[in-house]
Amino acid sequence: MQVIDALLQRRSARALTGPAPDAGALELIFASAAAAPDHGRLRPWRFIVIQDGGRERFGALLADHLRRAHPSTSEEKLQREGQKAFRAPMIVVVAAICTPGVKIPVIEQVLAAGAAAQNIMLAASALGFNSMWKTGGPAYDETVKAALGLEAKDAIVGFMYLGTDAGKPDMQARPSWKDSVRYWGDQPTGE
């Protein structure tokens, strides 16, 4: 797959099933993630792989977060929240291990981890898998971070759900990039 094709054709999955990336595919995916731009060479990204029985524990963590955030939540909604861990056969938590007080601002450390997350999605797609990037309240919760071995200062940039596309890709037309671009100063003449 040509790089430009991977960029232009990438779509988030609506539903994922097995197989998930195997050890060889994961090695390529993480090597791609570690090739992300990284100002200051801090390598702030960390990847936590959740699969098999870990998904049940992760689902309980999601449900616990919802219970703590909204104590009056019904049992039915708590169960649905826990089932989010089973959207895919594998979840990769992408985190930024933030180091305040260094030359590189924390926002740039988080952005580097975000670039690594994007590389995970592109690499998974190039290898014949698909993904969806989720966050939500649990990504910002200190208890969730601690349960995943992170500190409060760290940032979860995404829960990357990985697997094999179980449905048709979302082929909605994307908005034109032209609406997002403006020129400052002299506009190119197209020559």
C-alpha atoms as a PDB file:
ATOM      1  CA  MET A   1       0.000   0.000   0.000  1.00  0.00           C
ATOM      2  CA  GLN A   2       1.375   3.394  -0.963  1.00  0.00           C
ATOM      3  CA  VAL A   3       1.618   5.894   1.898  1.00  0.00           C
ATOM      4  CA  ILE A   4      -0.672   8.430   0.227  1.00  0.00           C
ATOM      5  CA  ASP A   5      -3.267   5.693  -0.339  1.00  0.00           C
ATOM      6  CA  ALA A   6      -3.083   4.690   3.323  1.00  0.00           C
ATOM      7  CA  LEU A   7      -3.656   8.285   4.355  1.00  0.00           C
ATOM      8  CA  LEU A   8      -6.521   8.971   1.960  1.00  0.00           C
ATOM      9  CA  GLN A   9      -8.306   5.628   2.396  1.00  0.00           C
ATOM     10  CA  ARG A  10      -8.062   5.265   6.184  1.00  0.00           C
ATOM     11  CA  ARG A  11     -11.464   5.006   7.836  1.00  0.00           C
ATOM     12  CA  SER A  12     -12.369   4.256  11.418  1.00  0.00           C
ATOM     13  CA  ALA A  13     -14.075   0.913  11.864  1.00  0.00           C
ATOM     14  CA  ARG A  14     -17.679   0.660  12.951  1.00  0.00           C
ATOM     15  CA  ALA A  15     -17.282  -2.897  14.248  1.00  0.00           C
ATOM     16  CA  LEU A  16     -14.199  -5.020  14.849  1.00  0.00           C
ATOM     17  CA  THR A  17     -13.758  -8.748  15.299  1.00  0.00           C
ATOM     18  CA  GLY A  18     -10.888 -11.215  15.397  1.00  0.00           C
ATOM     19  CA  PRO A  19      -8.272 -11.762  14.456  1.00  0.00           C
ATOM     20  CA  ALA A  20      -6.381  -9.018  16.203  1.00  0.00           C
ATOM     21  CA  PRO A  21      -2.826  -8.198  15.181  1.00  0.00           C
ATOM     22  CA  ASP A  22      -0.479 -11.050  16.118  1.00  0.00           C
ATOM     23  CA  ALA A  23       2.959 -10.563  17.706  1.00  0.00           C
ATOM     24  CA  GLY A  24       4.651  -9.884  14.362  1.00  0.00           C
ATOM     25  CA  ALA A  25       2.044  -7.343  13.303  1.00  0.00           C
ATOM     26  CA  LEU A  26       2.176  -5.671  16.721  1.00  0.00           C
ATOM     27  CA  GLU A  27       5.931  -5.348  16.403  1.00  0.00           C
ATOM     28  CA  LEU A  28       5.497  -3.467  13.112  1.00  0.00           C
ATOM     29  CA  ILE A  29       2.649  -1.373  14.523  1.00  0.00           C
ATOM     30  CA  PHE A  30       4.693  -0.297  17.557  1.00  0.00           C
ATOM     31  CA  ALA A  31       7.808   0.328  15.442  1.00  0.00           C
ATOM     32  CA  SER A  32       5.646   2.607  13.293  1.00  0.00           C
ATOM     33  CA  ALA A  33       4.262   4.340  16.379  1.00  0.00           C
ATOM     34  CA  ALA A  34       7.770   4.961  17.707  1.00  0.00           C
ATOM     35  CA  ALA A  35       8.661   6.658  14.405  1.00  0.00           C
ATOM     36  CA  ALA A  36       6.276   9.522  15.234  1.00  0.00           C
ATOM     37  CA  PRO A  37       7.611  13.075  15.395  1.00  0.00           C
ATOM     38  CA  ASP A  38       9.093  13.699  18.816  1.00  0.00           C
ATOM     39  CA  HIS A  39      10.426  17.146  19.676  1.00  0.00           C
ATOM     40  CA  GLY A  40      13.304  16.783  22.118  1.00  0.00           C
ATOM     41  CA  ARG A  41      13.517  12.988  21.665  1.00  0.00           C
ATOM     42  CA  LEU A  42      11.661  12.425  24.918  1.00  0.00           C
ATOM     43  CA  ARG A  43       9.793   9.407  23.514  1.00  0.00           C
ATOM     44  CA  PRO A  44       6.861  10.151  25.804  1.00  0.00           C
ATOM     45  CA  TRP A  45       4.564   7.490  24.377  1.00  0.00           C
ATOM     46  CA  ARG A  46       3.675   4.303  26.187  1.00  0.00           C
ATOM     47  CA  PHE A  47       1.483   1.512  24.886  1.00  0.00           C
ATOM     48  CA  ILE A  48      -0.597  -0.734  27.139  1.00  0.00           C
ATOM     49  CA  VAL A  49      -2.014  -3.780  25.340  1.00  0.00           C
ATOM     50  CA  ILE A  50      -5.324  -5.141  26.596  1.00  0.00           C
ATOM     51  CA  GLN A  51      -6.626  -8.422  25.205  1.00  0.00           C
ATOM     52  CA  ASP A  52      -8.156 -11.726  26.220  1.00  0.00           C
ATOM     53  CA  GLY A  53      -9.065 -11.680  29.951  1.00  0.00           C
ATOM     54  CA  GLY A  54      -7.711  -8.158  30.319  1.00  0.00           C
ATOM     55  CA  ARG A  55     -10.738  -6.861  28.423  1.00  0.00           C
ATOM     56  CA  GLU A  56     -13.034  -8.029  31.238  1.00  0.00           C
ATOM     57  CA  ARG A  57     -10.923  -6.148  33.786  1.00  0.00           C
ATOM     58  CA  PHE A  58     -10.862  -3.102  31.514  1.00  0.00           C
ATOM     59  CA  GLY A  59     -14.648  -3.274  31.128  1.00  0.00           C
ATOM     60  CA  ALA A  60     -15.010  -3.316  34.917  1.00  0.00           C
ATOM     61  CA  LEU A  61     -12.730  -0.271  35.073  1.00  0.00           C
ATOM     62  CA  LEU A  62     -14.924   1.569  32.549  1.00  0.00           C
ATOM     63  CA  ALA A  63     -18.095   0.675  34.464  1.00  0.00           C
ATOM     64  CA  ASP A  64     -16.490   1.734  37.748  1.00  0.00           C
ATOM     65  CA  HIS A  65     -15.592   5.102  36.231  1.00  0.00           C
ATOM     66  CA  LEU A  66     -19.182   5.640  35.105  1.00  0.00           C
ATOM     67  CA  ARG A  67     -20.472   4.627  38.563  1.00  0.00           C
ATOM     68  CA  ARG A  68     -18.147   7.121  40.268  1.00  0.00           C
ATOM     69  CA  ALA A  69     -18.895   9.915  37.768  1.00  0.00           C
ATOM     70  CA  HIS A  70     -22.671   9.339  37.837  1.00  0.00           C
ATOM     71  CA  PRO A  71     -23.686   7.466  41.009  1.00  0.00           C
ATOM     72  CA  SER A  72     -27.343   7.128  39.963  1.00  0.00           C
ATOM     73  CA  THR A  73     -26.512   5.240  36.746  1.00  0.00           C
ATOM     74  CA  SER A  74     -28.648   2.136  36.253  1.00  0.00           C
ATOM     75  CA  GLU A  75     -27.148  -1.348  36.309  1.00  0.00           C
ATOM     76  CA  GLU A  76     -28.147  -1.763  32.666  1.00  0.00           C
ATOM     77  CA  LYS A  77     -26.092   1.288  31.643  1.00  0.00           C
ATOM     78  CA  LEU A  78     -23.162   0.123  33.771  1.00  0.00           C
ATOM     79  CA  GLN A  79     -23.244  -3.250  32.014  1.00  0.00           C
ATOM     80  CA  ARG A  80     -23.330  -1.538  28.610  1.00  0.00           C
ATOM     81  CA  GLU A  81     -20.350   0.586  29.646  1.00  0.00           C
ATOM     82  CA  GLY A  82     -18.408  -2.530  30.630  1.00  0.00           C
ATOM     83  CA  GLN A  83     -19.204  -4.125  27.271  1.00  0.00           C
ATOM     84  CA  LYS A  84     -17.275  -1.352  25.500  1.00  0.00           C
ATOM     85  CA  ALA A  85     -14.124  -3.318  26.300  1.00  0.00           C
ATOM     86  CA  PHE A  86     -15.385  -5.993  23.900  1.00  0.00           C
ATOM     87  CA  ARG A  87     -15.730  -3.704  20.860  1.00  0.00           C
ATOM     88  CA  ALA A  88     -12.567  -5.300  19.501  1.00  0.00           C
ATOM     89  CA  PRO A  89     -10.298  -8.230  20.296  1.00  0.00           C
ATOM     90  CA  MET A  90      -7.471  -5.867  21.270  1.00  0.00           C
ATOM     91  CA  ILE A  91      -7.206  -2.445  22.846  1.00  0.00           C
ATOM     92  CA  VAL A  92      -4.011  -0.431  22.931  1.00  0.00           C
ATOM     93  CA  VAL A  93      -4.013   2.394  25.448  1.00  0.00           C
ATOM     94  CA  VAL A  94      -1.773   5.146  24.117  1.00  0.00           C
ATOM     95  CA  ALA A  95      -0.442   7.386  26.854  1.00  0.00           C
ATOM     96  CA  ALA A  96       1.976  10.273  27.134  1.00  0.00           C
ATOM     97  CA  ILE A  97       4.342  10.025  30.071  1.00  0.00           C
ATOM     98  CA  CYS A  98       4.523  13.748  30.692  1.00  0.00           C
ATOM     99  CA  THR A  99       7.648  15.358  32.073  1.00  0.00           C
ATOM    100  CA  PRO A 100       6.830  18.871  33.288  1.00  0.00           C
ATOM    101  CA  GLY A 101       9.682  21.297  33.778  1.00  0.00           C
ATOM    102  CA  VAL A 102      11.773  20.202  30.794  1.00  0.00           C
ATOM    103  CA  LYS A 103      12.494  22.333  27.760  1.00  0.00           C
ATOM    104  CA  ILE A 104       9.742  20.646  25.734  1.00  0.00           C
ATOM    105  CA  PRO A 105       6.255  21.843  26.800  1.00  0.00           C
ATOM    106  CA  VAL A 106       3.863  19.163  28.045  1.00  0.00           C
ATOM    107  CA  ILE A 107       1.459  19.911  25.192  1.00  0.00           C
ATOM    108  CA  GLU A 108       4.176  18.877  22.722  1.00  0.00           C
ATOM    109  CA  GLN A 109       4.748  15.663  24.650  1.00  0.00           C
ATOM    110  CA  VAL A 110       1.033  14.873  24.416  1.00  0.00           C
ATOM    111  CA  LEU A 111       1.003  15.757  20.712  1.00  0.00           C
ATOM    112  CA  ALA A 112       3.920  13.367  20.110  1.00  0.00           C
ATOM    113  CA  ALA A 113       1.904  10.550  21.724  1.00  0.00           C
ATOM    114  CA  GLY A 114      -1.069  11.572  19.570  1.00  0.00           C
ATOM    115  CA  ALA A 115       1.117  11.279  16.477  1.00  0.00           C
ATOM    116  CA  ALA A 116       2.160   7.808  17.666  1.00  0.00           C
ATOM    117  CA  ALA A 117      -1.540   6.899  18.006  1.00  0.00           C
ATOM    118  CA  GLN A 118      -2.191   8.036  14.438  1.00  0.00           C
ATOM    119  CA  ASN A 119       0.745   5.919  13.252  1.00  0.00           C
ATOM    120  CA  ILE A 120      -0.822   2.918  15.026  1.00  0.00           C
ATOM    121  CA  MET A 121      -4.018   3.422  13.038  1.00  0.00           C
ATOM    122  CA  LEU A 122      -2.154   3.799   9.745  1.00  0.00           C
ATOM    123  CA  ALA A 123       0.106   0.794  10.369  1.00  0.00           C
ATOM    124  CA  ALA A 124      -2.860  -1.370  11.385  1.00  0.00           C
ATOM    125  CA  SER A 125      -4.658  -0.408   8.181  1.00  0.00           C
ATOM    126  CA  ALA A 126      -1.569  -1.087   6.043  1.00  0.00           C
ATOM    127  CA  LEU A 127      -1.351  -4.574   7.609  1.00  0.00           C
ATOM    128  CA  GLY A 128      -4.978  -5.415   6.783  1.00  0.00           C
ATOM    129  CA  PHE A 129      -6.511  -4.604  10.169  1.00  0.00           C
ATOM    130  CA  ASN A 130      -8.646  -1.673  11.203  1.00  0.00           C
ATOM    131  CA  SER A 131      -9.122   0.463  14.263  1.00  0.00           C
ATOM    132  CA  MET A 132     -11.188   3.028  16.074  1.00  0.00           C
ATOM    133  CA  TRP A 133      -9.837   5.728  18.390  1.00  0.00           C
ATOM    134  CA  LYS A 134     -11.885   6.389  21.521  1.00  0.00           C
ATOM    135  CA  THR A 135     -11.406   8.567  24.599  1.00  0.00           C
ATOM    136  CA  GLY A 136     -14.224   9.839  26.797  1.00  0.00           C
ATOM    137  CA  GLY A 137     -14.252  10.444  30.544  1.00  0.00           C
ATOM    138  CA  PRO A 138     -12.153   7.406  31.496  1.00  0.00           C
ATOM    139  CA  ALA A 139      -9.184   8.805  29.539  1.00  0.00           C
ATOM    140  CA  TYR A 140      -9.042  11.779  31.895  1.00  0.00           C
ATOM    141  CA  ASP A 141      -9.756   9.991  35.152  1.00  0.00           C
ATOM    142  CA  GLU A 142      -6.937   9.654  37.721  1.00  0.00           C
ATOM    143  CA  THR A 143      -8.276   6.340  39.044  1.00  0.00           C
ATOM    144  CA  VAL A 144      -8.327   4.848  35.556  1.00  0.00           C
ATOM    145  CA  LYS A 145      -4.812   6.142  34.919  1.00  0.00           C
ATOM    146  CA  ALA A 146      -3.565   4.633  38.191  1.00  0.00           C
ATOM    147  CA  ALA A 147      -5.185   1.268  37.406  1.00  0.00           C
ATOM    148  CA  LEU A 148      -3.298   1.266  34.097  1.00  0.00           C
ATOM    149  CA  GLY A 149       0.018   2.054  35.824  1.00  0.00           C
ATOM    150  CA  LEU A 150       0.070   5.724  34.907  1.00  0.00           C
ATOM    151  CA  GLU A 151       0.461   8.807  37.065  1.00  0.00           C
ATOM    152  CA  ALA A 152      -2.011  11.688  37.361  1.00  0.00           C
ATOM    153  CA  LYS A 153       0.365  13.947  35.393  1.00  0.00           C
ATOM    154  CA  ASP A 154       0.335  11.565  32.441  1.00  0.00           C
ATOM    155  CA  ALA A 155      -2.193  11.783  29.605  1.00  0.00           C
ATOM    156  CA  ILE A 156      -4.157   9.006  27.977  1.00  0.00           C
ATOM    157  CA  VAL A 157      -4.448  10.195  24.394  1.00  0.00           C
ATOM    158  CA  GLY A 158      -6.580   7.310  23.219  1.00  0.00           C
ATOM    159  CA  PHE A 159      -7.973   3.848  23.580  1.00  0.00           C
ATOM    160  CA  MET A 160      -7.124   2.318  20.199  1.00  0.00           C
ATOM    161  CA  TYR A 161      -9.467  -0.572  19.418  1.00  0.00           C
ATOM    162  CA  LEU A 162      -7.789  -2.955  16.951  1.00  0.00           C
ATOM    163  CA  GLY A 163      -9.024  -5.941  14.996  1.00  0.00           C
ATOM    164  CA  THR A 164     -10.442  -7.057  11.692  1.00  0.00           C
ATOM    165  CA  ASP A 165     -13.182  -4.954  10.154  1.00  0.00           C
ATOM    166  CA  ALA A 166     -16.474  -6.758  10.757  1.00  0.00           C
ATOM    167  CA  GLY A 167     -18.546  -4.494   8.550  1.00  0.00           C
ATOM    168  CA  LYS A 168     -18.350  -2.141   5.665  1.00  0.00           C
ATOM    169  CA  PRO A 169     -16.018   0.805   6.186  1.00  0.00           C
ATOM    170  CA  ASP A 170     -17.639   4.148   6.898  1.00  0.00           C
ATOM    171  CA  MET A 171     -17.564   5.672   3.428  1.00  0.00           C
ATOM    172  CA  GLN A 172     -19.129   9.006   4.334  1.00  0.00           C
ATOM    173  CA  ALA A 173     -17.708  11.817   2.300  1.00  0.00           C
ATOM    174  CA  ARG A 174     -15.149  13.783   4.222  1.00  0.00           C
ATOM    175  CA  PRO A 175     -15.449  17.545   4.391  1.00  0.00           C
ATOM    176  CA  SER A 176     -13.249  19.344   1.916  1.00  0.00           C
ATOM    177  CA  TRP A 177      -9.821  20.206   3.242  1.00  0.00           C
ATOM    178  CA  LYS A 178     -10.226  23.520   1.435  1.00  0.00           C
ATOM    179  CA  ASP A 179     -12.541  24.767   4.179  1.00  0.00           C
ATOM    180  CA  SER A 180      -9.713  24.310   6.709  1.00  0.00           C
ATOM    181  CA  VAL A 181      -6.979  26.191   4.860  1.00  0.00           C
ATOM    182  CA  ARG A 182      -6.243  29.864   4.629  1.00  0.00           C
ATOM    183  CA  TYR A 183      -3.145  31.663   3.514  1.00  0.00           C
ATOM    184  CA  TRP A 184      -1.466  34.333   5.541  1.00  0.00           C
ATOM    185  CA  GLY A 185       0.614  36.800   3.625  1.00  0.00           C
ATOM    186  CA  ASP A 186       1.056  36.162  -0.081  1.00  0.00           C
ATOM    187  CA  GLN A 187      -1.216  33.505  -1.528  1.00  0.00           C
ATOM    188  CA  PRO A 188       0.542  31.088  -3.870  1.00  0.00           C
ATOM    189  CA  THR A 189      -0.150  31.733  -7.520  1.00  0.00           C
ATOM    190  CA  GLY A 190      -0.171  28.054  -8.498  1.00  0.00           C
ATOM    191  CA  GLU A 191       2.886  28.329 -10.697  1.00  0.00           C
END
